[in-house]
Amino acid sequence: MRSRAPLCFPCALLGGCATSPSIGVLGAFFPDWLFCIVGAIFATTLVHTGLRTAGLLARPLGRFTLPLAYSALTIVLALTSWLIFFQN
């Protein structure tokens, strides 16, 4: 009796070919994560502006604190927006 294991692996890989993760804009297709990153950068800029306007960034923090915090905030916002808007 032959093993069917070699047939199972290629079949498992074909499950990801259902749809293309892209959005058509004026005839060109862009990946959906690109829109999420642009939106997250815009939202992070709004958060930074709000914190600066409120006076919460007046005291000095560590040298790497703000870049690390804003990078993490951008990643969280991008992944959250991708889950909310593009997961069917």
C-alpha atoms as a PDB file:
ATOM      1  CA  MET A   1       0.000   0.000   0.000  1.00  0.00           C
ATOM      2  CA  ARG A   2       1.383   3.394  -1.001  1.00  0.00           C
ATOM      3  CA  SER A   3       1.554   6.342   1.331  1.00  0.00           C
ATOM      4  CA  ARG A   4      -0.668   9.319   0.525  1.00  0.00           C
ATOM      5  CA  ALA A   5       1.432  11.759   2.522  1.00  0.00           C
ATOM      6  CA  PRO A   6       3.220  13.218  -0.549  1.00  0.00           C
ATOM      7  CA  LEU A   7      -0.181  14.243  -1.941  1.00  0.00           C
ATOM      8  CA  CYS A   8      -1.318  16.022   1.207  1.00  0.00           C
ATOM      9  CA  PHE A   9       1.431  18.662   1.271  1.00  0.00           C
ATOM     10  CA  PRO A  10       0.738  20.218  -2.182  1.00  0.00           C
ATOM     11  CA  CYS A  11      -2.996  20.211  -1.460  1.00  0.00           C
ATOM     12  CA  ALA A  12      -2.412  22.133   1.772  1.00  0.00           C
ATOM     13  CA  LEU A  13      -0.466  24.800  -0.122  1.00  0.00           C
ATOM     14  CA  LEU A  14      -3.291  25.347  -2.615  1.00  0.00           C
ATOM     15  CA  GLY A  15      -5.637  26.595   0.115  1.00  0.00           C
ATOM     16  CA  GLY A  16      -4.085  30.077   0.046  1.00  0.00           C
ATOM     17  CA  CYS A  17      -4.867  30.698  -3.619  1.00  0.00           C
ATOM     18  CA  ALA A  18      -8.517  31.688  -3.137  1.00  0.00           C
ATOM     19  CA  THR A  19      -8.313  35.455  -3.721  1.00  0.00           C
ATOM     20  CA  SER A  20      -5.683  38.065  -4.401  1.00  0.00           C
ATOM     21  CA  PRO A  21      -5.106  40.506  -1.513  1.00  0.00           C
ATOM     22  CA  SER A  22      -5.151  43.593  -3.718  1.00  0.00           C
ATOM     23  CA  ILE A  23      -7.414  46.546  -4.390  1.00  0.00           C
ATOM     24  CA  GLY A  24      -8.042  48.094  -7.783  1.00  0.00           C
ATOM     25  CA  VAL A  25      -7.498  51.859  -7.861  1.00  0.00           C
ATOM     26  CA  LEU A  26      -7.950  53.546 -11.261  1.00  0.00           C
ATOM     27  CA  GLY A  27      -7.006  50.376 -13.122  1.00  0.00           C
ATOM     28  CA  ALA A  28      -3.892  49.562 -11.076  1.00  0.00           C
ATOM     29  CA  PHE A  29      -3.877  46.947  -8.339  1.00  0.00           C
ATOM     30  CA  PHE A  30      -2.233  47.720  -5.012  1.00  0.00           C
ATOM     31  CA  PRO A  31      -1.760  45.354  -2.058  1.00  0.00           C
ATOM     32  CA  ASP A  32      -4.168  46.030   0.784  1.00  0.00           C
ATOM     33  CA  TRP A  33      -1.416  46.256   3.398  1.00  0.00           C
ATOM     34  CA  LEU A  34      -0.099  49.344   1.606  1.00  0.00           C
ATOM     35  CA  PHE A  35      -3.293  51.250   2.410  1.00  0.00           C
ATOM     36  CA  CYS A  36      -3.118  50.066   6.027  1.00  0.00           C
ATOM     37  CA  ILE A  37       0.443  51.353   6.450  1.00  0.00           C
ATOM     38  CA  VAL A  38      -0.371  54.738   4.915  1.00  0.00           C
ATOM     39  CA  GLY A  39      -3.429  55.059   7.170  1.00  0.00           C
ATOM     40  CA  ALA A  40      -1.428  54.023  10.235  1.00  0.00           C
ATOM     41  CA  ILE A  41       1.282  56.602   9.528  1.00  0.00           C
ATOM     42  CA  PHE A  42      -1.402  59.277   9.146  1.00  0.00           C
ATOM     43  CA  ALA A  43      -3.093  58.187  12.409  1.00  0.00           C
ATOM     44  CA  THR A  44       0.255  58.132  14.248  1.00  0.00           C
ATOM     45  CA  THR A  45       0.915  61.665  13.020  1.00  0.00           C
ATOM     46  CA  LEU A  46      -2.471  62.729  14.398  1.00  0.00           C
ATOM     47  CA  VAL A  47      -1.682  61.094  17.759  1.00  0.00           C
ATOM     48  CA  HIS A  48       1.693  62.868  17.892  1.00  0.00           C
ATOM     49  CA  THR A  49       0.074  66.213  17.063  1.00  0.00           C
ATOM     50  CA  GLY A  50      -2.571  65.659  19.726  1.00  0.00           C
ATOM     51  CA  LEU A  51       0.015  64.760  22.379  1.00  0.00           C
ATOM     52  CA  ARG A  52       2.163  67.769  21.516  1.00  0.00           C
ATOM     53  CA  THR A  53      -0.865  70.093  21.560  1.00  0.00           C
ATOM     54  CA  ALA A  54      -1.939  68.743  24.950  1.00  0.00           C
ATOM     55  CA  GLY A  55       1.551  69.411  26.317  1.00  0.00           C
ATOM     56  CA  LEU A  56       2.296  65.813  27.186  1.00  0.00           C
ATOM     57  CA  LEU A  57       5.589  65.789  25.258  1.00  0.00           C
ATOM     58  CA  ALA A  58       7.111  68.793  27.030  1.00  0.00           C
ATOM     59  CA  ARG A  59       9.365  66.830  29.384  1.00  0.00           C
ATOM     60  CA  PRO A  60      12.321  64.998  27.861  1.00  0.00           C
ATOM     61  CA  LEU A  61      12.110  61.246  27.610  1.00  0.00           C
ATOM     62  CA  GLY A  62      14.811  58.790  26.696  1.00  0.00           C
ATOM     63  CA  ARG A  63      16.695  59.065  23.415  1.00  0.00           C
ATOM     64  CA  PHE A  64      15.015  56.024  21.871  1.00  0.00           C
ATOM     65  CA  THR A  65      11.661  56.209  23.619  1.00  0.00           C
ATOM     66  CA  LEU A  66       9.636  58.247  21.114  1.00  0.00           C
ATOM     67  CA  PRO A  67      10.873  56.558  17.906  1.00  0.00           C
ATOM     68  CA  LEU A  68      10.300  53.141  19.429  1.00  0.00           C
ATOM     69  CA  ALA A  69       6.868  54.102  20.752  1.00  0.00           C
ATOM     70  CA  TYR A  70       5.746  55.640  17.455  1.00  0.00           C
ATOM     71  CA  SER A  71       7.046  52.658  15.474  1.00  0.00           C
ATOM     72  CA  ALA A  72       5.139  50.280  17.727  1.00  0.00           C
ATOM     73  CA  LEU A  73       2.009  52.449  17.504  1.00  0.00           C
ATOM     74  CA  THR A  74       2.242  52.489  13.696  1.00  0.00           C
ATOM     75  CA  ILE A  75       2.573  48.699  13.562  1.00  0.00           C
ATOM     76  CA  VAL A  76      -0.361  48.173  15.926  1.00  0.00           C
ATOM     77  CA  LEU A  77      -2.569  50.583  13.985  1.00  0.00           C
ATOM     78  CA  ALA A  78      -1.622  49.041  10.621  1.00  0.00           C
ATOM     79  CA  LEU A  79      -2.308  45.482  11.762  1.00  0.00           C
ATOM     80  CA  THR A  80      -5.545  46.458  13.478  1.00  0.00           C
ATOM     81  CA  SER A  81      -6.847  48.307  10.437  1.00  0.00           C
ATOM     82  CA  TRP A  82      -5.909  45.356   8.222  1.00  0.00           C
ATOM     83  CA  LEU A  83      -7.856  42.983  10.472  1.00  0.00           C
ATOM     84  CA  ILE A  84     -10.873  45.291  10.617  1.00  0.00           C
ATOM     85  CA  PHE A  85     -11.129  46.308   6.961  1.00  0.00           C
ATOM     86  CA  PHE A  86      -9.596  43.547   4.859  1.00  0.00           C
ATOM     87  CA  GLN A  87     -10.295  40.215   6.560  1.00  0.00           C
ATOM     88  CA  ASN A  88     -13.366  38.735   4.886  1.00  0.00           C
END
